[in-house]
N, C-alpha and C. Protein backbone atom coordinates (compact mmCIF):
# COMPACT_ATOMS: atom_id res chain seq x y z
N UNK A 1 34.76 -12.61 -46.90
CA UNK A 1 34.88 -11.15 -46.77
C UNK A 1 33.64 -10.59 -46.07
N UNK A 2 33.84 -9.73 -45.09
CA UNK A 2 32.75 -9.10 -44.35
C UNK A 2 31.92 -8.22 -45.27
N UNK A 3 30.65 -8.08 -44.92
CA UNK A 3 29.76 -7.21 -45.70
C UNK A 3 30.22 -5.76 -45.65
N UNK A 4 31.09 -5.43 -44.66
CA UNK A 4 31.58 -4.07 -44.53
C UNK A 4 32.94 -3.87 -45.19
N UNK A 5 33.39 -4.87 -45.95
CA UNK A 5 34.66 -4.76 -46.66
C UNK A 5 34.42 -4.72 -48.16
N UNK A 6 35.25 -3.97 -48.85
CA UNK A 6 35.17 -3.89 -50.31
C UNK A 6 36.35 -4.63 -50.91
N UNK A 7 36.12 -5.21 -52.09
CA UNK A 7 37.23 -5.90 -52.74
C UNK A 7 38.20 -4.87 -53.33
N UNK A 8 39.39 -5.34 -53.65
CA UNK A 8 40.45 -4.45 -54.14
C UNK A 8 40.03 -3.69 -55.40
N UNK A 9 39.29 -4.38 -56.27
CA UNK A 9 38.85 -3.73 -57.51
C UNK A 9 37.93 -2.55 -57.26
N UNK A 10 37.03 -2.69 -56.27
CA UNK A 10 36.11 -1.59 -55.95
C UNK A 10 36.87 -0.40 -55.37
N UNK A 11 37.85 -0.69 -54.50
CA UNK A 11 38.65 0.40 -53.95
C UNK A 11 39.41 1.14 -55.05
N UNK A 12 40.01 0.40 -55.96
CA UNK A 12 40.76 1.03 -57.05
C UNK A 12 39.84 1.88 -57.91
N UNK A 13 38.61 1.40 -58.12
CA UNK A 13 37.63 2.18 -58.88
C UNK A 13 37.32 3.49 -58.17
N UNK A 14 37.13 3.42 -56.84
CA UNK A 14 36.83 4.63 -56.07
C UNK A 14 38.00 5.62 -56.12
N UNK A 15 39.21 5.11 -55.95
CA UNK A 15 40.37 6.00 -55.98
C UNK A 15 40.51 6.68 -57.34
N UNK A 16 40.16 5.98 -58.41
CA UNK A 16 40.31 6.54 -59.76
C UNK A 16 39.23 7.56 -60.09
N UNK A 17 38.11 7.52 -59.37
CA UNK A 17 37.00 8.44 -59.66
C UNK A 17 37.24 9.85 -59.12
N UNK A 18 38.13 9.97 -58.15
CA UNK A 18 38.34 11.27 -57.51
C UNK A 18 39.68 11.90 -57.84
N UNK A 19 39.93 12.99 -57.15
CA UNK A 19 41.20 13.72 -57.29
C UNK A 19 42.11 13.35 -56.13
N UNK A 20 43.29 12.83 -56.42
CA UNK A 20 44.21 12.42 -55.37
C UNK A 20 44.86 13.64 -54.70
N UNK A 21 44.90 13.61 -53.37
CA UNK A 21 45.55 14.67 -52.61
C UNK A 21 46.34 14.06 -51.46
N UNK A 22 47.39 14.74 -51.03
CA UNK A 22 48.21 14.30 -49.91
C UNK A 22 48.10 15.30 -48.76
N UNK A 23 48.06 14.79 -47.54
CA UNK A 23 48.03 15.63 -46.34
C UNK A 23 49.08 15.13 -45.37
N UNK A 24 49.74 16.07 -44.69
CA UNK A 24 50.72 15.73 -43.68
C UNK A 24 50.02 15.41 -42.35
N UNK A 25 50.68 14.66 -41.50
CA UNK A 25 50.14 14.35 -40.18
C UNK A 25 49.78 15.64 -39.44
N UNK A 26 48.57 15.70 -38.89
CA UNK A 26 48.12 16.87 -38.15
C UNK A 26 47.33 17.86 -38.98
N UNK A 27 47.35 17.73 -40.30
CA UNK A 27 46.62 18.66 -41.15
C UNK A 27 45.12 18.36 -41.14
N UNK A 28 44.32 19.42 -41.23
CA UNK A 28 42.87 19.29 -41.31
C UNK A 28 42.49 18.94 -42.75
N UNK A 29 41.72 17.89 -42.93
CA UNK A 29 41.26 17.50 -44.26
C UNK A 29 39.97 18.24 -44.59
N UNK A 30 39.06 18.29 -43.63
CA UNK A 30 37.86 19.13 -43.75
C UNK A 30 37.32 19.41 -42.35
N UNK A 31 36.54 20.48 -42.24
CA UNK A 31 35.96 20.89 -40.96
C UNK A 31 34.49 20.50 -40.88
N UNK A 32 34.01 20.35 -39.65
CA UNK A 32 32.58 20.16 -39.45
C UNK A 32 31.83 21.38 -39.97
N UNK A 33 30.63 21.14 -40.46
CA UNK A 33 29.75 22.17 -41.03
C UNK A 33 30.16 22.63 -42.42
N UNK A 34 31.16 21.98 -43.02
CA UNK A 34 31.51 22.32 -44.41
C UNK A 34 30.46 21.75 -45.36
N UNK A 35 30.24 22.47 -46.46
CA UNK A 35 29.36 22.00 -47.52
C UNK A 35 30.19 21.41 -48.66
N UNK A 36 29.60 20.43 -49.35
CA UNK A 36 30.21 19.88 -50.56
C UNK A 36 31.64 19.39 -50.36
N UNK A 37 31.83 18.61 -49.31
CA UNK A 37 33.16 18.05 -49.08
C UNK A 37 33.47 16.94 -50.09
N UNK A 38 32.42 16.33 -50.62
CA UNK A 38 32.60 15.16 -51.47
C UNK A 38 32.86 13.93 -50.62
N UNK A 39 32.99 12.78 -51.25
CA UNK A 39 33.30 11.55 -50.53
C UNK A 39 34.81 11.41 -50.47
N UNK A 40 35.34 11.28 -49.26
CA UNK A 40 36.78 11.16 -49.06
C UNK A 40 37.14 9.68 -48.96
N UNK A 41 37.95 9.20 -49.89
CA UNK A 41 38.37 7.80 -49.91
C UNK A 41 39.84 7.73 -49.49
N UNK A 42 40.08 7.15 -48.34
CA UNK A 42 41.44 7.09 -47.78
C UNK A 42 42.23 5.96 -48.44
N UNK A 43 43.28 6.32 -49.16
CA UNK A 43 44.09 5.33 -49.88
C UNK A 43 45.30 4.88 -49.07
N UNK A 44 45.86 5.78 -48.29
CA UNK A 44 47.07 5.46 -47.53
C UNK A 44 47.08 6.26 -46.24
N UNK A 45 47.43 5.59 -45.13
CA UNK A 45 47.57 6.29 -43.86
C UNK A 45 46.38 6.12 -42.93
N UNK A 46 46.28 7.01 -41.97
CA UNK A 46 45.27 6.93 -40.91
C UNK A 46 44.75 8.32 -40.59
N UNK A 47 43.43 8.44 -40.42
CA UNK A 47 42.81 9.72 -40.07
C UNK A 47 41.88 9.53 -38.88
N UNK A 48 41.47 10.65 -38.29
CA UNK A 48 40.47 10.60 -37.23
C UNK A 48 39.35 11.55 -37.57
N UNK A 49 38.13 11.19 -37.16
CA UNK A 49 36.99 12.09 -37.22
C UNK A 49 36.78 12.64 -35.83
N UNK A 50 36.55 13.93 -35.71
CA UNK A 50 36.41 14.55 -34.39
C UNK A 50 35.51 15.77 -34.47
N UNK A 51 35.13 16.25 -33.30
CA UNK A 51 34.35 17.48 -33.18
C UNK A 51 35.20 18.51 -32.43
N UNK A 52 35.30 19.71 -32.97
CA UNK A 52 35.99 20.80 -32.28
C UNK A 52 34.92 21.64 -31.58
N UNK A 53 34.97 21.67 -30.24
CA UNK A 53 33.95 22.35 -29.47
C UNK A 53 34.27 23.84 -29.33
N UNK A 54 33.26 24.61 -28.92
CA UNK A 54 33.42 26.06 -28.80
C UNK A 54 34.45 26.44 -27.74
N UNK A 55 34.63 25.58 -26.74
CA UNK A 55 35.60 25.89 -25.68
C UNK A 55 37.02 25.48 -26.06
N UNK A 56 37.20 25.01 -27.30
CA UNK A 56 38.53 24.66 -27.78
C UNK A 56 38.90 23.20 -27.60
N UNK A 57 38.07 22.44 -26.92
CA UNK A 57 38.37 21.02 -26.73
C UNK A 57 38.00 20.21 -27.97
N UNK A 58 38.56 19.03 -28.03
CA UNK A 58 38.31 18.13 -29.16
C UNK A 58 37.66 16.85 -28.64
N UNK A 59 36.59 16.42 -29.30
CA UNK A 59 35.96 15.15 -28.96
C UNK A 59 36.12 14.22 -30.16
N UNK A 60 36.80 13.12 -29.94
CA UNK A 60 37.11 12.21 -31.04
C UNK A 60 35.97 11.23 -31.25
N UNK A 61 35.67 10.94 -32.52
CA UNK A 61 34.58 10.03 -32.85
C UNK A 61 35.06 8.66 -33.28
N UNK A 62 36.06 8.61 -34.14
CA UNK A 62 36.60 7.32 -34.57
C UNK A 62 37.96 7.50 -35.23
N UNK A 63 38.59 6.39 -35.48
CA UNK A 63 39.87 6.36 -36.19
C UNK A 63 39.70 5.45 -37.40
N UNK A 64 40.14 5.92 -38.56
CA UNK A 64 40.00 5.15 -39.80
C UNK A 64 41.37 4.89 -40.40
N UNK A 65 41.61 3.64 -40.77
CA UNK A 65 42.85 3.26 -41.44
C UNK A 65 42.53 2.88 -42.88
N UNK A 66 43.44 3.20 -43.79
CA UNK A 66 43.24 2.91 -45.20
C UNK A 66 43.14 1.39 -45.44
N UNK A 67 42.27 0.98 -46.39
CA UNK A 67 41.36 1.82 -47.17
C UNK A 67 40.06 2.05 -46.40
N UNK A 68 39.53 3.25 -46.47
CA UNK A 68 38.28 3.57 -45.80
C UNK A 68 37.69 4.82 -46.43
N UNK A 69 36.53 5.24 -45.93
CA UNK A 69 35.88 6.44 -46.44
C UNK A 69 35.45 7.33 -45.28
N UNK A 70 35.29 8.61 -45.57
CA UNK A 70 34.73 9.55 -44.61
C UNK A 70 34.01 10.66 -45.37
N UNK A 71 33.36 11.55 -44.64
CA UNK A 71 32.51 12.61 -45.22
C UNK A 71 31.29 12.02 -45.91
N UNK A 72 30.92 10.81 -45.51
CA UNK A 72 29.82 10.10 -46.16
C UNK A 72 28.45 10.68 -45.83
N UNK A 73 28.29 11.24 -44.61
CA UNK A 73 26.97 11.72 -44.20
C UNK A 73 26.48 12.85 -45.09
N UNK A 74 27.33 13.82 -45.39
CA UNK A 74 26.92 14.94 -46.22
C UNK A 74 26.65 14.51 -47.66
N UNK A 75 27.28 13.41 -48.09
CA UNK A 75 27.00 12.89 -49.43
C UNK A 75 25.60 12.29 -49.46
N UNK A 76 25.24 11.56 -48.40
CA UNK A 76 23.95 10.89 -48.34
C UNK A 76 22.80 11.89 -48.22
N UNK A 77 22.94 12.89 -47.32
CA UNK A 77 21.80 13.81 -47.10
C UNK A 77 21.98 15.17 -47.75
N UNK A 78 23.10 15.37 -48.46
CA UNK A 78 23.36 16.64 -49.16
C UNK A 78 23.42 17.82 -48.19
N UNK A 79 23.80 17.54 -46.95
CA UNK A 79 23.90 18.60 -45.95
C UNK A 79 25.34 18.93 -45.62
N UNK A 80 25.54 19.57 -44.49
CA UNK A 80 26.90 19.92 -44.04
C UNK A 80 27.54 18.71 -43.35
N UNK A 81 28.85 18.68 -43.32
CA UNK A 81 29.55 17.59 -42.65
C UNK A 81 29.30 17.67 -41.14
N UNK A 82 29.13 16.51 -40.51
CA UNK A 82 28.80 16.49 -39.08
C UNK A 82 30.03 16.51 -38.19
N UNK A 83 31.21 16.35 -38.77
CA UNK A 83 32.43 16.32 -37.98
C UNK A 83 33.61 16.78 -38.83
N UNK A 84 34.76 16.88 -38.21
CA UNK A 84 35.99 17.22 -38.93
C UNK A 84 36.80 15.96 -39.17
N UNK A 85 37.75 16.05 -40.10
CA UNK A 85 38.68 14.94 -40.36
C UNK A 85 40.10 15.49 -40.29
N UNK A 86 40.95 14.79 -39.55
CA UNK A 86 42.34 15.22 -39.35
C UNK A 86 43.26 14.04 -39.65
N UNK A 87 44.35 14.31 -40.36
CA UNK A 87 45.33 13.26 -40.66
C UNK A 87 46.12 12.91 -39.40
N UNK A 88 46.15 11.64 -39.04
CA UNK A 88 46.97 11.18 -37.92
C UNK A 88 48.39 10.91 -38.40
N UNK A 89 48.49 10.30 -39.57
CA UNK A 89 49.77 10.07 -40.23
C UNK A 89 49.75 10.85 -41.55
N UNK A 90 50.83 10.84 -42.29
CA UNK A 90 50.78 11.35 -43.66
C UNK A 90 49.80 10.48 -44.44
N UNK A 91 48.91 11.11 -45.19
CA UNK A 91 47.87 10.34 -45.87
C UNK A 91 47.78 10.70 -47.35
N UNK A 92 47.29 9.75 -48.12
CA UNK A 92 46.90 9.98 -49.51
C UNK A 92 45.43 9.62 -49.62
N UNK A 93 44.66 10.51 -50.21
CA UNK A 93 43.23 10.24 -50.34
C UNK A 93 42.70 10.73 -51.67
N UNK A 94 41.55 10.20 -52.04
CA UNK A 94 40.88 10.59 -53.28
C UNK A 94 39.57 11.27 -52.91
N UNK A 95 39.33 12.45 -53.47
CA UNK A 95 38.10 13.19 -53.18
C UNK A 95 37.18 13.10 -54.38
N UNK A 96 36.03 12.45 -54.18
CA UNK A 96 35.04 12.26 -55.24
C UNK A 96 33.93 13.30 -55.05
N UNK A 97 33.54 13.98 -56.10
CA UNK A 97 32.51 15.03 -56.01
C UNK A 97 31.19 14.46 -55.49
N UNK A 98 30.37 15.34 -54.90
CA UNK A 98 29.10 14.92 -54.31
C UNK A 98 28.24 14.14 -55.29
N UNK A 99 28.01 14.69 -56.47
CA UNK A 99 27.12 14.06 -57.45
C UNK A 99 27.64 12.70 -57.89
N UNK A 100 28.92 12.64 -58.17
CA UNK A 100 29.52 11.38 -58.63
C UNK A 100 29.49 10.35 -57.50
N UNK A 101 29.76 10.80 -56.27
CA UNK A 101 29.77 9.89 -55.12
C UNK A 101 28.37 9.35 -54.85
N UNK A 102 27.37 10.21 -54.91
CA UNK A 102 26.00 9.77 -54.65
C UNK A 102 25.56 8.73 -55.68
N UNK A 103 25.93 8.95 -56.91
CA UNK A 103 25.55 8.02 -57.98
C UNK A 103 26.17 6.65 -57.74
N UNK A 104 27.45 6.61 -57.41
CA UNK A 104 28.13 5.33 -57.22
C UNK A 104 27.65 4.64 -55.94
N UNK A 105 27.28 5.42 -54.91
CA UNK A 105 26.77 4.84 -53.67
C UNK A 105 25.50 4.04 -53.93
N UNK A 106 24.59 4.64 -54.66
CA UNK A 106 23.30 3.99 -54.89
C UNK A 106 23.37 2.89 -55.94
N UNK A 107 24.50 2.77 -56.60
CA UNK A 107 24.69 1.69 -57.57
C UNK A 107 25.44 0.51 -56.97
N UNK A 108 26.04 0.69 -55.80
CA UNK A 108 26.89 -0.34 -55.21
C UNK A 108 26.42 -0.66 -53.79
N UNK A 109 25.62 -1.72 -53.61
CA UNK A 109 25.10 -2.07 -52.28
C UNK A 109 26.18 -2.29 -51.23
N UNK A 110 27.31 -2.88 -51.63
CA UNK A 110 28.39 -3.12 -50.66
C UNK A 110 28.99 -1.81 -50.15
N UNK A 111 29.14 -0.86 -51.06
CA UNK A 111 29.66 0.45 -50.67
C UNK A 111 28.66 1.16 -49.76
N UNK A 112 27.38 1.01 -50.05
CA UNK A 112 26.36 1.61 -49.20
C UNK A 112 26.37 0.98 -47.81
N UNK A 113 26.57 -0.35 -47.74
CA UNK A 113 26.68 -1.03 -46.45
C UNK A 113 27.84 -0.45 -45.63
N UNK A 114 28.99 -0.28 -46.28
CA UNK A 114 30.16 0.28 -45.60
C UNK A 114 29.87 1.70 -45.12
N UNK A 115 29.21 2.48 -45.96
CA UNK A 115 28.87 3.86 -45.62
C UNK A 115 27.98 3.92 -44.38
N UNK A 116 26.94 3.09 -44.36
CA UNK A 116 26.01 3.08 -43.23
C UNK A 116 26.71 2.57 -41.96
N UNK A 117 27.62 1.62 -42.13
CA UNK A 117 28.37 1.08 -40.98
C UNK A 117 29.22 2.18 -40.33
N UNK A 118 29.92 2.96 -41.14
CA UNK A 118 30.76 4.04 -40.61
C UNK A 118 29.90 5.13 -39.98
N UNK A 119 28.77 5.45 -40.62
CA UNK A 119 27.86 6.44 -40.05
C UNK A 119 27.35 5.98 -38.68
N UNK A 120 27.01 4.69 -38.57
CA UNK A 120 26.50 4.16 -37.31
C UNK A 120 27.55 4.25 -36.21
N UNK A 121 28.82 3.99 -36.54
CA UNK A 121 29.89 4.10 -35.54
C UNK A 121 29.98 5.53 -35.00
N UNK A 122 29.87 6.50 -35.92
CA UNK A 122 29.94 7.89 -35.48
C UNK A 122 28.76 8.24 -34.58
N UNK A 123 27.56 7.76 -34.95
CA UNK A 123 26.38 8.05 -34.15
C UNK A 123 26.50 7.43 -32.76
N UNK A 124 27.06 6.22 -32.68
CA UNK A 124 27.23 5.58 -31.38
C UNK A 124 28.19 6.37 -30.49
N UNK A 125 29.24 6.89 -31.10
CA UNK A 125 30.21 7.65 -30.31
C UNK A 125 29.62 8.98 -29.86
N UNK A 126 28.84 9.62 -30.74
CA UNK A 126 28.16 10.86 -30.35
C UNK A 126 27.20 10.59 -29.20
N UNK A 127 26.50 9.44 -29.25
CA UNK A 127 25.61 9.06 -28.16
C UNK A 127 26.39 8.90 -26.86
N UNK A 128 27.57 8.29 -26.95
CA UNK A 128 28.41 8.12 -25.78
C UNK A 128 28.81 9.47 -25.19
N UNK A 129 29.10 10.44 -26.08
CA UNK A 129 29.45 11.78 -25.61
C UNK A 129 28.27 12.39 -24.85
N UNK A 130 27.06 12.19 -25.37
CA UNK A 130 25.87 12.73 -24.71
C UNK A 130 25.63 12.04 -23.37
N UNK A 131 25.94 10.75 -23.30
CA UNK A 131 25.75 10.01 -22.06
C UNK A 131 26.69 10.51 -20.96
N UNK A 132 27.72 11.25 -21.36
CA UNK A 132 28.66 11.79 -20.38
C UNK A 132 27.99 12.71 -19.37
N UNK A 133 26.82 13.23 -19.72
CA UNK A 133 26.09 14.11 -18.81
C UNK A 133 25.58 13.34 -17.60
N UNK A 134 25.25 12.06 -17.81
CA UNK A 134 24.62 11.28 -16.73
C UNK A 134 25.46 10.08 -16.29
N UNK A 135 26.62 9.86 -16.89
CA UNK A 135 27.47 8.75 -16.47
C UNK A 135 28.84 9.28 -16.05
N UNK A 136 29.53 8.50 -15.24
CA UNK A 136 30.85 8.89 -14.75
C UNK A 136 31.93 8.51 -15.76
N UNK A 137 33.12 9.08 -15.57
CA UNK A 137 34.24 8.73 -16.45
C UNK A 137 34.57 7.23 -16.36
N UNK A 138 34.62 6.61 -15.16
CA UNK A 138 34.88 5.17 -15.12
C UNK A 138 33.86 4.35 -15.90
N UNK A 139 32.59 4.75 -15.84
CA UNK A 139 31.56 4.04 -16.59
C UNK A 139 31.81 4.14 -18.09
N UNK A 140 32.13 5.34 -18.55
CA UNK A 140 32.37 5.53 -19.98
C UNK A 140 33.65 4.81 -20.42
N UNK A 141 34.65 4.84 -19.55
CA UNK A 141 35.90 4.15 -19.86
C UNK A 141 35.68 2.64 -19.95
N UNK A 142 34.90 2.09 -19.01
CA UNK A 142 34.60 0.66 -19.02
C UNK A 142 33.83 0.29 -20.29
N UNK A 143 32.88 1.11 -20.64
CA UNK A 143 32.10 0.83 -21.85
C UNK A 143 33.00 0.84 -23.08
N UNK A 144 33.91 1.78 -23.15
CA UNK A 144 34.80 1.87 -24.31
C UNK A 144 35.69 0.64 -24.40
N UNK A 145 36.24 0.20 -23.28
CA UNK A 145 37.12 -0.97 -23.28
C UNK A 145 36.37 -2.23 -23.69
N UNK A 146 35.10 -2.32 -23.29
CA UNK A 146 34.30 -3.51 -23.59
C UNK A 146 33.83 -3.55 -25.04
N UNK A 147 33.76 -2.40 -25.68
CA UNK A 147 33.26 -2.35 -27.06
C UNK A 147 34.20 -1.51 -27.92
N UNK A 148 35.49 -1.78 -27.80
CA UNK A 148 36.50 -0.93 -28.43
C UNK A 148 36.37 -0.91 -29.94
N UNK A 149 35.89 -2.01 -30.54
CA UNK A 149 35.80 -2.07 -32.00
C UNK A 149 34.81 -1.06 -32.55
N UNK A 150 33.86 -0.60 -31.73
CA UNK A 150 32.89 0.38 -32.19
C UNK A 150 33.53 1.73 -32.49
N UNK A 151 34.72 1.97 -31.94
CA UNK A 151 35.35 3.27 -32.08
C UNK A 151 36.53 3.27 -33.04
N UNK A 152 36.68 2.16 -33.79
CA UNK A 152 37.74 2.12 -34.79
C UNK A 152 39.11 1.91 -34.21
N UNK A 153 39.19 1.37 -33.00
CA UNK A 153 40.48 1.07 -32.39
C UNK A 153 40.81 -0.38 -32.66
N UNK A 154 42.01 -0.64 -33.05
CA UNK A 154 42.36 -1.99 -33.47
C UNK A 154 43.24 -2.70 -32.46
N UNK A 155 43.14 -4.03 -32.47
CA UNK A 155 43.92 -4.85 -31.55
C UNK A 155 45.27 -5.18 -32.16
N UNK A 156 46.16 -5.67 -31.32
CA UNK A 156 47.50 -6.06 -31.75
C UNK A 156 47.40 -7.22 -32.73
N UNK A 157 48.21 -7.20 -33.80
CA UNK A 157 48.13 -8.21 -34.84
C UNK A 157 48.40 -9.61 -34.30
N UNK A 158 49.33 -9.75 -33.35
CA UNK A 158 49.70 -11.07 -32.84
C UNK A 158 48.98 -11.42 -31.54
N UNK A 159 48.41 -10.43 -30.87
CA UNK A 159 47.71 -10.66 -29.61
C UNK A 159 46.36 -9.96 -29.69
N UNK A 160 45.34 -10.68 -30.17
CA UNK A 160 44.04 -10.05 -30.43
C UNK A 160 43.34 -9.57 -29.17
N UNK A 161 43.80 -10.03 -27.99
CA UNK A 161 43.17 -9.59 -26.75
C UNK A 161 43.82 -8.33 -26.19
N UNK A 162 44.81 -7.79 -26.89
CA UNK A 162 45.48 -6.57 -26.45
C UNK A 162 44.97 -5.37 -27.25
N UNK A 163 44.49 -4.37 -26.53
CA UNK A 163 43.97 -3.16 -27.16
C UNK A 163 45.10 -2.14 -27.29
N UNK A 164 45.30 -1.65 -28.50
CA UNK A 164 46.38 -0.71 -28.76
C UNK A 164 45.80 0.70 -28.85
N UNK A 165 46.01 1.49 -27.82
CA UNK A 165 45.44 2.85 -27.79
C UNK A 165 46.19 3.67 -26.74
N UNK A 166 46.39 4.95 -27.01
CA UNK A 166 47.08 5.82 -26.06
C UNK A 166 46.09 6.46 -25.10
N UNK A 167 46.60 6.94 -23.96
CA UNK A 167 45.75 7.62 -22.99
C UNK A 167 45.18 8.90 -23.58
N UNK A 168 45.96 9.61 -24.38
CA UNK A 168 45.48 10.84 -25.01
C UNK A 168 44.30 10.56 -25.93
N UNK A 169 44.41 9.49 -26.72
CA UNK A 169 43.32 9.13 -27.63
C UNK A 169 42.06 8.78 -26.87
N UNK A 170 42.20 8.02 -25.79
CA UNK A 170 41.03 7.66 -24.98
C UNK A 170 40.39 8.90 -24.38
N UNK A 171 41.22 9.84 -23.93
CA UNK A 171 40.69 11.07 -23.34
C UNK A 171 39.87 11.85 -24.35
N UNK A 172 40.36 11.92 -25.59
CA UNK A 172 39.62 12.66 -26.62
C UNK A 172 38.32 11.96 -26.99
N UNK A 173 38.31 10.63 -26.99
CA UNK A 173 37.08 9.90 -27.24
C UNK A 173 36.05 10.16 -26.14
N UNK A 174 36.50 10.19 -24.90
CA UNK A 174 35.59 10.25 -23.76
C UNK A 174 35.32 11.66 -23.27
N UNK A 175 35.96 12.65 -23.88
CA UNK A 175 35.70 14.03 -23.50
C UNK A 175 36.25 14.38 -22.14
N UNK A 176 37.45 13.88 -21.82
CA UNK A 176 38.06 14.18 -20.53
C UNK A 176 39.55 14.45 -20.73
N UNK A 177 40.33 14.36 -19.66
CA UNK A 177 41.75 14.67 -19.75
C UNK A 177 42.60 13.41 -19.62
N UNK A 178 43.83 13.50 -20.09
CA UNK A 178 44.75 12.36 -20.00
C UNK A 178 45.01 11.93 -18.55
N UNK A 179 45.25 12.89 -17.60
CA UNK A 179 45.47 12.47 -16.21
C UNK A 179 44.30 11.68 -15.63
N UNK A 180 43.07 12.05 -15.99
CA UNK A 180 41.90 11.32 -15.49
C UNK A 180 41.88 9.89 -16.03
N UNK A 181 42.20 9.73 -17.32
CA UNK A 181 42.25 8.39 -17.90
C UNK A 181 43.31 7.56 -17.20
N UNK A 182 44.48 8.14 -17.00
CA UNK A 182 45.57 7.44 -16.32
C UNK A 182 45.17 7.04 -14.91
N UNK A 183 44.49 7.95 -14.21
CA UNK A 183 44.04 7.67 -12.83
C UNK A 183 43.12 6.46 -12.78
N UNK A 184 42.12 6.43 -13.65
CA UNK A 184 41.15 5.34 -13.57
C UNK A 184 41.68 4.04 -14.17
N UNK A 185 42.56 4.12 -15.14
CA UNK A 185 43.21 2.90 -15.64
C UNK A 185 44.07 2.28 -14.54
N UNK A 186 44.71 3.12 -13.75
CA UNK A 186 45.51 2.62 -12.62
C UNK A 186 44.61 1.93 -11.59
N UNK A 187 43.43 2.51 -11.34
CA UNK A 187 42.48 1.88 -10.42
C UNK A 187 42.00 0.54 -10.96
N UNK A 188 41.71 0.50 -12.26
CA UNK A 188 41.28 -0.76 -12.89
C UNK A 188 42.39 -1.81 -12.76
N UNK A 189 43.64 -1.38 -12.96
CA UNK A 189 44.78 -2.30 -12.87
C UNK A 189 44.95 -2.83 -11.45
N UNK A 190 44.89 -1.93 -10.48
CA UNK A 190 45.06 -2.33 -9.07
C UNK A 190 43.94 -3.26 -8.60
N UNK A 191 42.77 -3.12 -9.22
CA UNK A 191 41.64 -3.97 -8.85
C UNK A 191 41.65 -5.31 -9.60
N UNK A 192 42.66 -5.52 -10.43
CA UNK A 192 42.76 -6.78 -11.17
C UNK A 192 41.79 -6.89 -12.32
N UNK A 193 41.33 -5.74 -12.82
CA UNK A 193 40.34 -5.74 -13.91
C UNK A 193 41.02 -5.73 -15.27
N UNK A 194 42.13 -5.01 -15.37
CA UNK A 194 42.88 -4.96 -16.62
C UNK A 194 44.36 -5.18 -16.35
N UNK A 195 45.08 -5.47 -17.41
CA UNK A 195 46.54 -5.57 -17.36
C UNK A 195 47.08 -4.56 -18.36
N UNK A 196 48.12 -3.84 -17.96
CA UNK A 196 48.71 -2.85 -18.86
C UNK A 196 50.16 -3.17 -19.13
N UNK A 197 50.56 -2.98 -20.39
CA UNK A 197 51.95 -3.16 -20.77
C UNK A 197 52.39 -1.98 -21.61
N UNK A 198 53.48 -2.12 -22.29
CA UNK A 198 54.00 -1.03 -23.11
C UNK A 198 53.09 -0.81 -24.33
N UNK A 199 52.23 0.20 -24.22
CA UNK A 199 51.38 0.56 -25.35
C UNK A 199 50.14 -0.28 -25.54
N UNK A 200 49.79 -1.12 -24.55
CA UNK A 200 48.59 -1.93 -24.73
C UNK A 200 47.82 -2.09 -23.42
N UNK A 201 46.54 -2.46 -23.56
CA UNK A 201 45.66 -2.76 -22.43
C UNK A 201 45.00 -4.11 -22.70
N UNK A 202 44.94 -4.96 -21.68
CA UNK A 202 44.30 -6.27 -21.81
C UNK A 202 43.26 -6.42 -20.71
N UNK A 203 42.03 -6.79 -21.09
CA UNK A 203 40.98 -7.02 -20.10
C UNK A 203 41.22 -8.36 -19.41
N UNK A 204 41.29 -8.34 -18.07
CA UNK A 204 41.54 -9.55 -17.28
C UNK A 204 40.25 -10.06 -16.66
N UNK A 205 39.42 -9.14 -16.14
CA UNK A 205 38.17 -9.52 -15.50
C UNK A 205 37.02 -8.77 -16.16
N UNK A 206 36.44 -9.41 -17.16
CA UNK A 206 35.38 -8.77 -17.94
C UNK A 206 34.12 -8.53 -17.09
N UNK A 207 33.83 -9.46 -16.18
CA UNK A 207 32.63 -9.33 -15.35
C UNK A 207 32.68 -8.08 -14.48
N UNK A 208 33.83 -7.83 -13.85
CA UNK A 208 33.97 -6.62 -13.02
C UNK A 208 33.85 -5.36 -13.87
N UNK A 209 34.42 -5.41 -15.07
CA UNK A 209 34.38 -4.25 -15.95
C UNK A 209 32.94 -3.96 -16.37
N UNK A 210 32.17 -5.01 -16.62
CA UNK A 210 30.76 -4.83 -16.98
C UNK A 210 29.96 -4.23 -15.83
N UNK A 211 30.30 -4.61 -14.59
CA UNK A 211 29.62 -4.03 -13.43
C UNK A 211 29.93 -2.54 -13.30
N UNK A 212 31.18 -2.17 -13.55
CA UNK A 212 31.54 -0.75 -13.50
C UNK A 212 30.79 0.02 -14.58
N UNK A 213 30.69 -0.58 -15.76
CA UNK A 213 29.96 0.08 -16.85
C UNK A 213 28.52 0.37 -16.44
N UNK A 214 27.91 -0.55 -15.71
CA UNK A 214 26.51 -0.39 -15.33
C UNK A 214 26.32 0.44 -14.06
N UNK A 215 27.24 0.29 -13.09
CA UNK A 215 26.99 0.86 -11.77
C UNK A 215 28.03 1.86 -11.28
N UNK A 216 29.18 1.94 -11.95
CA UNK A 216 30.22 2.84 -11.50
C UNK A 216 31.28 2.13 -10.67
N UNK A 217 32.26 2.88 -10.16
CA UNK A 217 33.42 2.30 -9.48
C UNK A 217 33.06 1.55 -8.19
N UNK A 218 32.01 1.96 -7.49
CA UNK A 218 31.69 1.32 -6.21
C UNK A 218 31.32 -0.15 -6.39
N UNK A 219 30.91 -0.52 -7.62
CA UNK A 219 30.40 -1.87 -7.85
C UNK A 219 31.47 -2.94 -7.75
N UNK A 220 32.78 -2.57 -7.96
CA UNK A 220 33.81 -3.59 -7.97
C UNK A 220 34.40 -3.84 -6.58
């Protein structure tokens, strides 16, 4: 078992410590800058963490599938939440109060490891958003494809080399539009860098993709 995974008994303990709530797909679980969200333990379904910008756009940070946790940052530092959480599917989750969550975090090293791991993923994605000021969309897209696991995107169960992600989701991660993602994925495909099928992307030429990540489209 990975250091970032909890055993079934620990998850059941976490679910029992909080108040169970259900959310429909598309519903907001909590907003960025909220106080006292508590620790959100996802029991069933899938959620996303994102930032809602002042211009109305959404920047996606990660995708979490049950069992998992979110709202961990405000529990650790007793501050406001750094992002929002939205249900992708219908979800069931347990909300543990701040004080109770903080106590159990510091008593359970494995849970703390998981918490820090999820926080680090969010920080990496925020860094990627900031890098958008000085890097091109193809560079950011190449980086995302090369390190897709950092963003909580999962591969196909039977084909581990196939990345399962929609163009809309990629656009929200990278802070751009769906047509732009489609345009550059088509260029990557025509250049023999990736292969695309129904609902999946497969990297064919990793070396070329790494060059684009470092130098942009002219490099290939």
